[in-house]
Amino acid sequence: MWQPNPSIVTLAMTGASGLQYGLRLLECLVAADKQVFVMVSKAAQVVAATETDWSLPGQSAALENYLTSRLSARPGQIRVFSREQWMAPVASGSGAPSAMVVCPCSTGTLSAIACGASNNLIERAADVALKERRQLILVPRESPYSEIHLEHMLKLTRMGAVILPASPGFYHRPQSINDLIDFIVARILNQLGIPQQLMPSWGAALHPDELEESQHEPHE
């Protein structure tokens, strides 16, 4: 019986602010020796030019070469698929990987996935993940959320997707923006079951004196 390959992860990056989360996740997946199927929306390319120093080419082959070179990935480790490349493995349950992450996930993409729109390969790949009961992690970056956004998140959660908002914590005492990015990326890697050293778990992040004090504090 055919089984999805756990060593492959699908990563889609869409047009929400916070593309740094997706790029850092890609870097960590490559470092973890995962093969990554990548899809990038047109809006994400605009965000990349606005928020980062990454110049993401529009053509799939050029983008694949760019990412492979920039992240020192092994040949074939990163595969980039265009938005209408319907013969890509991610477009079918018979070829899609066991896990997909949309990071960042625009609320437009989230809504389309919730409604099963499948207007492009990103939406279709997410639809496949849902129908095949595979892991789907959506990382929205929006504030505030409208009732429509929240209803779609609830709907997707009931379908089995994980909604992981890009809302970093501060208990690890971040010293830089990169620390905040790593907080979210660490949470995604934890969901994927991929070992990570980006951020300690709760408790391990506390200093010994703080941990001792917390054990003696009365419960509210």
N, C-alpha and C. Protein backbone atom coordinates (compact mmCIF):
# COMPACT_ATOMS: atom_id res chain seq x y z
N MET A 1 0.84 -1.20 0.00
CA MET A 1 0.00 0.00 0.00
C MET A 1 0.88 1.25 0.00
N TRP A 2 0.53 2.19 -0.88
CA TRP A 2 1.33 3.41 -0.98
C TRP A 2 1.15 4.26 0.27
N GLN A 3 2.26 4.83 0.76
CA GLN A 3 2.24 5.71 1.92
C GLN A 3 2.97 7.01 1.57
N PRO A 4 2.47 8.16 2.05
CA PRO A 4 3.16 9.43 1.79
C PRO A 4 4.54 9.42 2.43
N ASN A 5 5.48 10.08 1.77
CA ASN A 5 6.86 10.11 2.23
C ASN A 5 7.03 11.13 3.36
N PRO A 6 7.36 10.69 4.59
CA PRO A 6 7.50 11.64 5.70
C PRO A 6 8.73 12.52 5.60
N SER A 7 9.64 12.20 4.68
CA SER A 7 10.85 13.02 4.54
C SER A 7 10.64 14.21 3.63
N ILE A 8 9.42 14.35 3.10
CA ILE A 8 9.08 15.47 2.22
C ILE A 8 8.03 16.35 2.90
N VAL A 9 8.24 17.65 2.85
CA VAL A 9 7.29 18.61 3.41
C VAL A 9 6.92 19.62 2.32
N THR A 10 5.64 19.89 2.19
CA THR A 10 5.19 20.94 1.28
C THR A 10 5.15 22.27 2.03
N LEU A 11 5.75 23.29 1.46
CA LEU A 11 5.74 24.63 2.06
C LEU A 11 5.22 25.63 1.05
N ALA A 12 4.11 26.28 1.39
CA ALA A 12 3.57 27.35 0.56
C ALA A 12 3.71 28.67 1.29
N MET A 13 4.14 29.68 0.58
CA MET A 13 4.26 31.02 1.14
C MET A 13 3.33 31.95 0.38
N THR A 14 2.45 32.62 1.11
CA THR A 14 1.47 33.49 0.47
C THR A 14 1.68 34.94 0.93
N GLY A 15 0.74 35.82 0.56
CA GLY A 15 1.01 37.25 0.63
C GLY A 15 0.78 37.96 1.94
N ALA A 16 0.67 37.24 3.05
CA ALA A 16 0.57 37.93 4.34
C ALA A 16 1.93 38.51 4.72
N SER A 17 1.91 39.58 5.49
CA SER A 17 3.16 40.09 6.04
C SER A 17 3.77 39.03 6.94
N GLY A 18 5.10 38.99 6.96
CA GLY A 18 5.76 37.98 7.78
C GLY A 18 6.37 36.87 6.96
N LEU A 19 6.79 37.17 5.74
CA LEU A 19 7.40 36.14 4.91
C LEU A 19 8.68 35.59 5.54
N GLN A 20 9.26 36.35 6.46
CA GLN A 20 10.46 35.87 7.15
C GLN A 20 10.21 34.54 7.86
N TYR A 21 8.99 34.34 8.34
CA TYR A 21 8.67 33.07 8.99
C TYR A 21 8.83 31.90 8.01
N GLY A 22 8.28 32.07 6.82
CA GLY A 22 8.36 31.01 5.83
C GLY A 22 9.77 30.75 5.35
N LEU A 23 10.52 31.82 5.13
CA LEU A 23 11.90 31.66 4.66
C LEU A 23 12.77 30.99 5.72
N ARG A 24 12.57 31.36 6.97
CA ARG A 24 13.33 30.72 8.06
C ARG A 24 12.92 29.26 8.21
N LEU A 25 11.64 28.97 8.06
CA LEU A 25 11.19 27.58 8.12
C LEU A 25 11.83 26.76 7.01
N LEU A 26 11.88 27.32 5.81
CA LEU A 26 12.52 26.62 4.70
C LEU A 26 13.98 26.32 5.02
N GLU A 27 14.67 27.30 5.57
CA GLU A 27 16.07 27.11 5.96
C GLU A 27 16.21 25.95 6.95
N CYS A 28 15.31 25.89 7.92
CA CYS A 28 15.38 24.84 8.95
C CYS A 28 15.02 23.47 8.38
N LEU A 29 14.07 23.42 7.46
CA LEU A 29 13.71 22.15 6.84
C LEU A 29 14.87 21.60 6.02
N VAL A 30 15.54 22.48 5.31
CA VAL A 30 16.72 22.06 4.53
C VAL A 30 17.81 21.55 5.48
N ALA A 31 18.04 22.27 6.57
CA ALA A 31 19.05 21.86 7.55
C ALA A 31 18.70 20.51 8.18
N ALA A 32 17.39 20.21 8.28
CA ALA A 32 16.94 18.93 8.84
C ALA A 32 16.94 17.82 7.80
N ASP A 33 17.47 18.11 6.62
CA ASP A 33 17.60 17.14 5.53
C ASP A 33 16.25 16.68 4.98
N LYS A 34 15.25 17.55 5.05
CA LYS A 34 13.96 17.27 4.43
C LYS A 34 13.99 17.74 2.98
N GLN A 35 13.31 17.02 2.12
CA GLN A 35 13.05 17.55 0.79
C GLN A 35 11.83 18.44 0.91
N VAL A 36 11.87 19.59 0.24
CA VAL A 36 10.79 20.56 0.39
C VAL A 36 10.19 20.89 -0.97
N PHE A 37 8.87 20.70 -1.07
CA PHE A 37 8.13 21.13 -2.25
C PHE A 37 7.64 22.55 -1.97
N VAL A 38 8.09 23.52 -2.75
CA VAL A 38 7.83 24.93 -2.46
C VAL A 38 6.88 25.54 -3.48
N MET A 39 5.95 26.34 -2.98
CA MET A 39 5.08 27.14 -3.83
C MET A 39 5.03 28.56 -3.26
N VAL A 40 5.14 29.54 -4.13
CA VAL A 40 5.17 30.94 -3.70
C VAL A 40 4.14 31.72 -4.51
N SER A 41 3.25 32.41 -3.84
CA SER A 41 2.24 33.20 -4.54
C SER A 41 2.85 34.49 -5.08
N LYS A 42 2.16 35.11 -6.02
CA LYS A 42 2.63 36.39 -6.57
C LYS A 42 2.71 37.45 -5.47
N ALA A 43 1.71 37.46 -4.61
CA ALA A 43 1.71 38.44 -3.52
C ALA A 43 2.89 38.22 -2.58
N ALA A 44 3.27 36.96 -2.37
CA ALA A 44 4.42 36.66 -1.51
C ALA A 44 5.71 37.21 -2.10
N GLN A 45 5.81 37.20 -3.42
CA GLN A 45 7.00 37.77 -4.06
C GLN A 45 7.07 39.28 -3.82
N VAL A 46 5.92 39.93 -3.84
CA VAL A 46 5.88 41.36 -3.55
C VAL A 46 6.28 41.62 -2.11
N VAL A 47 5.75 40.81 -1.19
CA VAL A 47 6.09 40.96 0.23
C VAL A 47 7.58 40.74 0.45
N ALA A 48 8.14 39.74 -0.23
CA ALA A 48 9.57 39.46 -0.08
C ALA A 48 10.41 40.66 -0.46
N ALA A 49 10.04 41.33 -1.55
CA ALA A 49 10.79 42.50 -1.99
C ALA A 49 10.62 43.67 -1.03
N THR A 50 9.49 43.71 -0.34
CA THR A 50 9.20 44.81 0.59
C THR A 50 9.83 44.61 1.95
N GLU A 51 9.79 43.37 2.46
CA GLU A 51 10.16 43.10 3.85
C GLU A 51 11.53 42.46 4.03
N THR A 52 12.11 41.92 2.97
CA THR A 52 13.35 41.16 3.13
C THR A 52 14.36 41.56 2.05
N ASP A 53 15.55 40.97 2.14
CA ASP A 53 16.56 41.17 1.11
C ASP A 53 16.60 39.98 0.16
N TRP A 54 15.54 39.16 0.18
CA TRP A 54 15.43 38.02 -0.73
C TRP A 54 14.77 38.49 -2.02
N SER A 55 15.42 38.28 -3.15
CA SER A 55 14.85 38.64 -4.45
C SER A 55 14.36 37.36 -5.11
N LEU A 56 13.10 37.04 -4.92
CA LEU A 56 12.55 35.77 -5.39
C LEU A 56 12.17 35.87 -6.87
N PRO A 57 12.84 35.13 -7.74
CA PRO A 57 12.51 35.16 -9.17
C PRO A 57 11.09 34.67 -9.42
N GLY A 58 10.50 35.13 -10.50
CA GLY A 58 9.14 34.74 -10.83
C GLY A 58 9.03 33.38 -11.47
N GLN A 59 10.06 32.95 -12.18
CA GLN A 59 10.04 31.65 -12.85
C GLN A 59 10.43 30.54 -11.89
N SER A 60 9.73 29.41 -11.99
CA SER A 60 9.95 28.31 -11.05
C SER A 60 11.38 27.80 -11.06
N ALA A 61 11.93 27.58 -12.25
CA ALA A 61 13.29 27.04 -12.35
C ALA A 61 14.30 28.01 -11.75
N ALA A 62 14.13 29.29 -12.04
CA ALA A 62 15.05 30.30 -11.51
C ALA A 62 14.92 30.40 -9.99
N LEU A 63 13.69 30.32 -9.48
CA LEU A 63 13.48 30.38 -8.03
C LEU A 63 14.07 29.16 -7.35
N GLU A 64 13.92 28.01 -7.98
CA GLU A 64 14.50 26.78 -7.42
C GLU A 64 16.01 26.89 -7.32
N ASN A 65 16.64 27.40 -8.37
CA ASN A 65 18.09 27.58 -8.35
C ASN A 65 18.51 28.60 -7.30
N TYR A 66 17.74 29.68 -7.20
CA TYR A 66 18.05 30.74 -6.23
C TYR A 66 17.99 30.21 -4.80
N LEU A 67 16.92 29.50 -4.46
CA LEU A 67 16.76 28.98 -3.11
C LEU A 67 17.80 27.91 -2.80
N THR A 68 18.08 27.06 -3.78
CA THR A 68 19.08 26.01 -3.58
C THR A 68 20.44 26.61 -3.29
N SER A 69 20.80 27.65 -4.05
CA SER A 69 22.09 28.30 -3.86
C SER A 69 22.15 29.06 -2.55
N ARG A 70 21.11 29.82 -2.26
CA ARG A 70 21.12 30.66 -1.06
C ARG A 70 21.14 29.83 0.22
N LEU A 71 20.48 28.68 0.22
CA LEU A 71 20.40 27.84 1.42
C LEU A 71 21.38 26.68 1.40
N SER A 72 22.23 26.64 0.38
CA SER A 72 23.23 25.57 0.25
C SER A 72 22.57 24.20 0.34
N ALA A 73 21.43 24.06 -0.33
CA ALA A 73 20.71 22.79 -0.34
C ALA A 73 21.37 21.83 -1.32
N ARG A 74 21.18 20.55 -1.09
CA ARG A 74 21.72 19.57 -2.03
C ARG A 74 20.85 19.57 -3.29
N PRO A 75 21.39 19.15 -4.42
CA PRO A 75 20.62 19.14 -5.67
C PRO A 75 19.32 18.36 -5.52
N GLY A 76 18.22 18.96 -5.93
CA GLY A 76 16.93 18.30 -5.87
C GLY A 76 16.25 18.37 -4.52
N GLN A 77 16.91 18.93 -3.52
CA GLN A 77 16.30 18.99 -2.18
C GLN A 77 15.13 19.97 -2.15
N ILE A 78 15.24 21.05 -2.90
CA ILE A 78 14.15 22.02 -3.01
C ILE A 78 13.56 21.92 -4.41
N ARG A 79 12.26 21.69 -4.48
CA ARG A 79 11.55 21.67 -5.76
C ARG A 79 10.48 22.75 -5.73
N VAL A 80 10.49 23.59 -6.72
CA VAL A 80 9.53 24.70 -6.78
C VAL A 80 8.50 24.41 -7.85
N PHE A 81 7.23 24.60 -7.50
CA PHE A 81 6.14 24.39 -8.44
C PHE A 81 5.39 25.69 -8.65
N SER A 82 5.00 25.95 -9.89
CA SER A 82 4.28 27.18 -10.21
C SER A 82 2.82 27.07 -9.77
N ARG A 83 2.14 28.18 -9.79
CA ARG A 83 0.77 28.24 -9.26
C ARG A 83 -0.23 27.44 -10.08
N GLU A 84 0.09 27.14 -11.33
CA GLU A 84 -0.83 26.37 -12.17
C GLU A 84 -0.16 25.10 -12.71
N GLN A 85 0.78 24.58 -11.98
CA GLN A 85 1.46 23.35 -12.39
C GLN A 85 0.67 22.15 -11.86
N TRP A 86 -0.42 21.84 -12.53
CA TRP A 86 -1.39 20.88 -12.02
C TRP A 86 -0.89 19.44 -12.02
N MET A 87 0.20 19.16 -12.71
CA MET A 87 0.77 17.81 -12.71
C MET A 87 1.79 17.62 -11.58
N ALA A 88 1.94 18.60 -10.72
CA ALA A 88 2.85 18.48 -9.58
C ALA A 88 2.34 17.41 -8.61
N PRO A 89 3.23 16.72 -7.90
CA PRO A 89 2.80 15.68 -6.96
C PRO A 89 1.81 16.17 -5.92
N VAL A 90 1.94 17.42 -5.50
CA VAL A 90 1.07 17.93 -4.43
C VAL A 90 -0.38 18.08 -4.86
N ALA A 91 -0.65 17.98 -6.16
CA ALA A 91 -2.01 18.17 -6.67
C ALA A 91 -2.86 16.91 -6.56
N SER A 92 -2.27 15.82 -6.11
CA SER A 92 -3.01 14.55 -6.04
C SER A 92 -2.71 13.82 -4.74
N GLY A 93 -3.72 13.15 -4.22
CA GLY A 93 -3.52 12.36 -3.01
C GLY A 93 -2.58 11.20 -3.21
N SER A 94 -2.37 10.80 -4.47
CA SER A 94 -1.47 9.67 -4.74
C SER A 94 -0.01 10.08 -4.76
N GLY A 95 0.26 11.38 -4.67
CA GLY A 95 1.65 11.81 -4.73
C GLY A 95 2.04 12.87 -3.72
N ALA A 96 1.07 13.40 -3.00
CA ALA A 96 1.36 14.49 -2.06
C ALA A 96 2.09 13.99 -0.82
N PRO A 97 2.96 14.82 -0.25
CA PRO A 97 3.67 14.45 0.99
C PRO A 97 2.71 14.32 2.17
N SER A 98 3.25 13.89 3.30
CA SER A 98 2.42 13.66 4.49
C SER A 98 2.12 14.94 5.25
N ALA A 99 2.81 16.04 4.95
CA ALA A 99 2.61 17.28 5.70
C ALA A 99 2.73 18.48 4.78
N MET A 100 1.91 19.50 5.07
CA MET A 100 1.95 20.76 4.33
C MET A 100 1.84 21.91 5.32
N VAL A 101 2.63 22.95 5.07
CA VAL A 101 2.59 24.17 5.88
C VAL A 101 2.36 25.35 4.95
N VAL A 102 1.43 26.22 5.30
CA VAL A 102 1.26 27.48 4.58
C VAL A 102 1.73 28.57 5.53
N CYS A 103 2.89 29.15 5.22
CA CYS A 103 3.55 30.09 6.14
C CYS A 103 4.30 31.17 5.37
N PRO A 104 3.88 32.42 5.48
CA PRO A 104 2.67 32.86 6.15
C PRO A 104 1.43 32.54 5.31
N CYS A 105 0.29 32.50 5.97
CA CYS A 105 -0.97 32.20 5.29
C CYS A 105 -1.83 33.46 5.30
N SER A 106 -2.06 34.03 4.14
CA SER A 106 -2.93 35.20 4.05
C SER A 106 -4.36 34.78 4.39
N THR A 107 -5.16 35.72 4.87
CA THR A 107 -6.54 35.38 5.19
C THR A 107 -7.34 35.04 3.94
N GLY A 108 -6.92 35.58 2.80
CA GLY A 108 -7.57 35.22 1.54
C GLY A 108 -7.32 33.76 1.20
N THR A 109 -6.07 33.31 1.37
CA THR A 109 -5.74 31.91 1.13
C THR A 109 -6.45 31.02 2.13
N LEU A 110 -6.47 31.43 3.39
CA LEU A 110 -7.15 30.66 4.43
C LEU A 110 -8.63 30.48 4.08
N SER A 111 -9.27 31.55 3.63
CA SER A 111 -10.68 31.49 3.27
C SER A 111 -10.91 30.57 2.08
N ALA A 112 -10.04 30.65 1.09
CA ALA A 112 -10.17 29.80 -0.08
C ALA A 112 -10.01 28.32 0.28
N ILE A 113 -9.06 28.02 1.17
CA ILE A 113 -8.86 26.64 1.60
C ILE A 113 -10.08 26.15 2.36
N ALA A 114 -10.63 27.00 3.23
CA ALA A 114 -11.80 26.61 4.01
C ALA A 114 -12.99 26.29 3.12
N CYS A 115 -13.07 26.95 1.97
CA CYS A 115 -14.19 26.75 1.05
C CYS A 115 -13.89 25.74 -0.05
N GLY A 116 -12.68 25.18 -0.06
CA GLY A 116 -12.32 24.20 -1.08
C GLY A 116 -12.23 24.77 -2.47
N ALA A 117 -11.78 26.02 -2.59
CA ALA A 117 -11.80 26.71 -3.89
C ALA A 117 -10.87 26.06 -4.91
N SER A 118 -9.65 25.74 -4.53
CA SER A 118 -8.66 25.10 -5.43
C SER A 118 -8.46 25.89 -6.72
N ASN A 119 -8.35 27.21 -6.60
CA ASN A 119 -8.14 28.05 -7.78
C ASN A 119 -6.70 28.04 -8.27
N ASN A 120 -5.76 27.61 -7.42
CA ASN A 120 -4.36 27.53 -7.81
C ASN A 120 -3.75 26.33 -7.11
N LEU A 121 -2.47 26.07 -7.36
CA LEU A 121 -1.85 24.86 -6.83
C LEU A 121 -1.73 24.89 -5.31
N ILE A 122 -1.52 26.07 -4.73
CA ILE A 122 -1.45 26.16 -3.27
C ILE A 122 -2.76 25.72 -2.65
N GLU A 123 -3.86 26.26 -3.16
CA GLU A 123 -5.18 25.90 -2.62
C GLU A 123 -5.50 24.43 -2.88
N ARG A 124 -5.13 23.93 -4.05
CA ARG A 124 -5.37 22.53 -4.37
C ARG A 124 -4.56 21.61 -3.46
N ALA A 125 -3.30 21.94 -3.22
CA ALA A 125 -2.46 21.12 -2.35
C ALA A 125 -3.03 21.05 -0.94
N ALA A 126 -3.54 22.18 -0.45
CA ALA A 126 -4.16 22.19 0.88
C ALA A 126 -5.45 21.37 0.88
N ASP A 127 -6.20 21.45 -0.20
CA ASP A 127 -7.43 20.67 -0.33
C ASP A 127 -7.11 19.17 -0.30
N VAL A 128 -6.03 18.79 -0.97
CA VAL A 128 -5.59 17.39 -0.97
C VAL A 128 -5.22 16.96 0.45
N ALA A 129 -4.47 17.81 1.15
CA ALA A 129 -4.07 17.48 2.52
C ALA A 129 -5.29 17.24 3.41
N LEU A 130 -6.32 18.05 3.24
CA LEU A 130 -7.54 17.89 4.04
C LEU A 130 -8.29 16.61 3.68
N LYS A 131 -8.47 16.38 2.40
CA LYS A 131 -9.28 15.22 2.00
C LYS A 131 -8.57 13.90 2.28
N GLU A 132 -7.24 13.92 2.28
CA GLU A 132 -6.46 12.72 2.56
C GLU A 132 -6.13 12.58 4.04
N ARG A 133 -6.64 13.50 4.86
CA ARG A 133 -6.40 13.48 6.31
C ARG A 133 -4.91 13.54 6.64
N ARG A 134 -4.21 14.41 5.92
CA ARG A 134 -2.79 14.61 6.18
C ARG A 134 -2.58 15.90 6.96
N GLN A 135 -1.39 16.07 7.47
CA GLN A 135 -1.12 17.21 8.33
C GLN A 135 -1.12 18.51 7.52
N LEU A 136 -1.90 19.47 7.98
CA LEU A 136 -1.97 20.78 7.34
C LEU A 136 -1.85 21.84 8.43
N ILE A 137 -0.81 22.65 8.34
CA ILE A 137 -0.55 23.70 9.31
C ILE A 137 -0.65 25.05 8.61
N LEU A 138 -1.52 25.90 9.10
CA LEU A 138 -1.72 27.22 8.52
C LEU A 138 -1.24 28.27 9.51
N VAL A 139 -0.41 29.20 9.03
CA VAL A 139 0.20 30.21 9.91
C VAL A 139 -0.29 31.60 9.48
N PRO A 140 -1.48 32.00 9.95
CA PRO A 140 -1.99 33.32 9.57
C PRO A 140 -1.24 34.44 10.29
N ARG A 141 -1.11 35.57 9.63
CA ARG A 141 -0.47 36.74 10.22
C ARG A 141 -1.37 37.93 9.88
N GLU A 142 -2.34 38.17 10.75
CA GLU A 142 -3.31 39.24 10.53
C GLU A 142 -3.74 39.77 11.89
N SER A 143 -4.12 41.04 11.94
CA SER A 143 -4.61 41.60 13.20
C SER A 143 -5.38 42.88 12.92
N PRO A 144 -6.60 43.00 13.44
CA PRO A 144 -7.35 41.97 14.16
C PRO A 144 -8.00 40.99 13.19
N TYR A 145 -8.58 39.93 13.73
CA TYR A 145 -9.31 38.96 12.91
C TYR A 145 -10.77 39.38 12.82
N SER A 146 -11.35 39.23 11.65
CA SER A 146 -12.78 39.49 11.48
C SER A 146 -13.56 38.23 11.84
N GLU A 147 -14.86 38.37 11.93
CA GLU A 147 -15.70 37.20 12.20
C GLU A 147 -15.55 36.16 11.10
N ILE A 148 -15.40 36.62 9.86
CA ILE A 148 -15.20 35.70 8.74
C ILE A 148 -13.92 34.90 8.94
N HIS A 149 -12.83 35.60 9.29
CA HIS A 149 -11.56 34.90 9.52
C HIS A 149 -11.71 33.84 10.60
N LEU A 150 -12.32 34.21 11.71
CA LEU A 150 -12.46 33.30 12.84
C LEU A 150 -13.34 32.11 12.50
N GLU A 151 -14.41 32.36 11.75
CA GLU A 151 -15.29 31.25 11.35
C GLU A 151 -14.54 30.27 10.45
N HIS A 152 -13.74 30.80 9.55
CA HIS A 152 -12.97 29.92 8.67
C HIS A 152 -11.91 29.14 9.44
N MET A 153 -11.28 29.78 10.42
CA MET A 153 -10.29 29.07 11.24
C MET A 153 -10.95 27.94 12.02
N LEU A 154 -12.13 28.21 12.58
CA LEU A 154 -12.84 27.17 13.32
C LEU A 154 -13.23 26.02 12.38
N LYS A 155 -13.70 26.37 11.21
CA LYS A 155 -14.09 25.36 10.22
C LYS A 155 -12.90 24.48 9.85
N LEU A 156 -11.76 25.09 9.61
CA LEU A 156 -10.56 24.33 9.24
C LEU A 156 -10.05 23.48 10.39
N THR A 157 -10.14 24.02 11.61
CA THR A 157 -9.73 23.24 12.77
C THR A 157 -10.59 21.99 12.91
N ARG A 158 -11.87 22.13 12.70
CA ARG A 158 -12.77 20.97 12.76
C ARG A 158 -12.47 19.97 11.66
N MET A 159 -11.91 20.43 10.55
CA MET A 159 -11.51 19.54 9.46
C MET A 159 -10.21 18.80 9.75
N GLY A 160 -9.48 19.26 10.77
CA GLY A 160 -8.23 18.60 11.12
C GLY A 160 -6.99 19.44 10.91
N ALA A 161 -7.15 20.63 10.35
CA ALA A 161 -5.99 21.51 10.16
C ALA A 161 -5.56 22.11 11.50
N VAL A 162 -4.31 22.53 11.57
CA VAL A 162 -3.79 23.22 12.75
C VAL A 162 -3.64 24.70 12.40
N ILE A 163 -4.29 25.55 13.16
CA ILE A 163 -4.15 27.00 12.98
C ILE A 163 -3.09 27.46 13.98
N LEU A 164 -1.96 27.93 13.46
CA LEU A 164 -0.83 28.33 14.30
C LEU A 164 -0.52 29.80 14.01
N PRO A 165 -1.20 30.73 14.67
CA PRO A 165 -1.00 32.15 14.37
C PRO A 165 0.44 32.58 14.62
N ALA A 166 0.90 33.51 13.82
CA ALA A 166 2.25 34.05 13.99
C ALA A 166 2.23 35.05 15.14
N SER A 167 2.05 34.53 16.34
CA SER A 167 1.98 35.35 17.56
C SER A 167 3.04 34.87 18.53
N PRO A 168 4.26 35.35 18.40
CA PRO A 168 5.36 34.84 19.24
C PRO A 168 5.19 35.18 20.70
N GLY A 169 5.70 34.30 21.57
CA GLY A 169 5.73 34.56 23.00
C GLY A 169 6.99 35.32 23.37
N PHE A 170 7.09 35.66 24.64
CA PHE A 170 8.23 36.45 25.11
C PHE A 170 8.91 35.84 26.33
N TYR A 171 8.47 34.65 26.75
CA TYR A 171 9.05 34.07 27.96
C TYR A 171 10.49 33.61 27.76
N HIS A 172 10.93 33.52 26.49
CA HIS A 172 12.33 33.16 26.24
C HIS A 172 13.22 34.40 26.15
N ARG A 173 12.65 35.56 26.48
CA ARG A 173 13.39 36.82 26.51
C ARG A 173 14.09 37.12 25.18
N PRO A 174 13.32 37.33 24.13
CA PRO A 174 13.92 37.58 22.82
C PRO A 174 14.79 38.83 22.81
N GLN A 175 15.90 38.73 22.13
CA GLN A 175 16.84 39.84 22.03
C GLN A 175 16.83 40.48 20.64
N SER A 176 16.12 39.87 19.71
CA SER A 176 16.12 40.37 18.34
C SER A 176 14.85 39.91 17.63
N ILE A 177 14.62 40.48 16.45
CA ILE A 177 13.50 40.03 15.62
C ILE A 177 13.69 38.57 15.24
N ASN A 178 14.92 38.16 15.00
CA ASN A 178 15.18 36.76 14.65
C ASN A 178 14.73 35.81 15.75
N ASP A 179 14.87 36.23 17.01
CA ASP A 179 14.40 35.39 18.12
C ASP A 179 12.89 35.21 18.07
N LEU A 180 12.18 36.26 17.69
CA LEU A 180 10.72 36.17 17.58
C LEU A 180 10.32 35.28 16.42
N ILE A 181 11.04 35.39 15.32
CA ILE A 181 10.78 34.52 14.17
C ILE A 181 11.02 33.07 14.55
N ASP A 182 12.12 32.82 15.23
CA ASP A 182 12.46 31.44 15.61
C ASP A 182 11.43 30.84 16.56
N PHE A 183 10.79 31.67 17.38
CA PHE A 183 9.75 31.16 18.29
C PHE A 183 8.65 30.47 17.49
N ILE A 184 8.17 31.14 16.45
CA ILE A 184 7.09 30.57 15.63
C ILE A 184 7.58 29.38 14.82
N VAL A 185 8.76 29.50 14.24
CA VAL A 185 9.30 28.40 13.44
C VAL A 185 9.51 27.17 14.31
N ALA A 186 9.95 27.36 15.54
CA ALA A 186 10.12 26.24 16.46
C ALA A 186 8.79 25.54 16.71
N ARG A 187 7.72 26.31 16.88
CA ARG A 187 6.40 25.73 17.10
C ARG A 187 5.95 24.91 15.88
N ILE A 188 6.26 25.41 14.70
CA ILE A 188 5.90 24.67 13.48
C ILE A 188 6.69 23.36 13.41
N LEU A 189 7.98 23.43 13.67
CA LEU A 189 8.81 22.23 13.64
C LEU A 189 8.33 21.22 14.68
N ASN A 190 7.93 21.69 15.84
CA ASN A 190 7.39 20.79 16.87
C ASN A 190 6.14 20.08 16.36
N GLN A 191 5.28 20.81 15.68
CA GLN A 191 4.08 20.21 15.12
C GLN A 191 4.42 19.15 14.08
N LEU A 192 5.47 19.39 13.32
CA LEU A 192 5.90 18.45 12.29
C LEU A 192 6.67 17.27 12.86
N GLY A 193 7.02 17.34 14.14
CA GLY A 193 7.80 16.27 14.75
C GLY A 193 9.26 16.29 14.35
N ILE A 194 9.75 17.47 14.00
CA ILE A 194 11.15 17.63 13.58
C ILE A 194 11.93 18.23 14.75
N PRO A 195 12.98 17.57 15.21
CA PRO A 195 13.77 18.10 16.33
C PRO A 195 14.30 19.49 16.02
N GLN A 196 14.28 20.36 17.02
CA GLN A 196 14.76 21.73 16.81
C GLN A 196 15.44 22.23 18.07
N GLN A 197 16.40 23.12 17.86
CA GLN A 197 17.14 23.74 18.96
C GLN A 197 16.95 25.26 18.94
N LEU A 198 15.91 25.72 18.26
CA LEU A 198 15.69 27.16 18.13
C LEU A 198 15.21 27.78 19.42
N MET A 199 14.41 27.04 20.17
CA MET A 199 13.79 27.60 21.36
C MET A 199 13.56 26.51 22.39
N PRO A 200 13.92 26.76 23.65
CA PRO A 200 13.67 25.76 24.70
C PRO A 200 12.19 25.66 25.01
N SER A 201 11.81 24.54 25.59
CA SER A 201 10.42 24.37 26.00
C SER A 201 10.13 25.21 27.24
N TRP A 202 8.85 25.36 27.55
CA TRP A 202 8.44 26.13 28.73
C TRP A 202 9.03 25.49 29.98
N GLY A 203 9.53 26.30 30.87
CA GLY A 203 10.22 25.79 32.06
C GLY A 203 11.71 25.78 31.83
N ALA A 204 12.12 25.18 30.73
CA ALA A 204 13.55 25.19 30.40
C ALA A 204 14.01 26.59 30.05
N ALA A 205 13.06 27.45 29.65
CA ALA A 205 13.41 28.83 29.29
C ALA A 205 13.58 29.71 30.51
N LEU A 206 13.08 29.26 31.68
CA LEU A 206 13.19 30.07 32.89
C LEU A 206 14.57 29.93 33.51
N HIS A 207 15.05 31.01 34.09
CA HIS A 207 16.29 30.94 34.84
C HIS A 207 16.06 30.15 36.13
N PRO A 208 17.08 29.47 36.66
CA PRO A 208 16.90 28.63 37.85
C PRO A 208 16.22 29.34 39.01
N ASP A 209 16.59 30.62 39.28
CA ASP A 209 15.96 31.33 40.40
C ASP A 209 14.49 31.61 40.13
N GLU A 210 14.16 31.88 38.85
CA GLU A 210 12.76 32.12 38.49
C GLU A 210 11.95 30.84 38.62
N LEU A 211 12.56 29.72 38.21
CA LEU A 211 11.87 28.44 38.29
C LEU A 211 11.58 28.07 39.74
N GLU A 212 12.56 28.33 40.62
CA GLU A 212 12.38 28.02 42.04
C GLU A 212 11.28 28.89 42.64
N GLU A 213 11.27 30.18 42.26
CA GLU A 213 10.25 31.09 42.78
C GLU A 213 8.86 30.68 42.31
N SER A 214 8.77 30.24 41.04
CA SER A 214 7.46 29.88 40.48
C SER A 214 6.87 28.67 41.18
N GLN A 215 7.72 27.80 41.72
CA GLN A 215 7.23 26.61 42.40
C GLN A 215 6.62 26.94 43.76
N HIS A 216 6.95 28.13 44.29
CA HIS A 216 6.44 28.51 45.61
C HIS A 216 5.32 29.54 45.53
N GLU A 217 5.02 30.00 44.30
CA GLU A 217 3.97 31.00 44.16
C GLU A 217 2.60 30.36 44.34
N PRO A 218 1.67 31.01 45.07
CA PRO A 218 0.33 30.45 45.24
C PRO A 218 -0.44 30.48 43.92
N HIS A 219 -1.29 29.49 43.74
CA HIS A 219 -2.12 29.44 42.53
C HIS A 219 -3.31 30.37 42.69
N GLU A 220 -3.67 31.03 41.61
CA GLU A 220 -4.82 31.94 41.66
C GLU A 220 -6.13 31.16 41.65
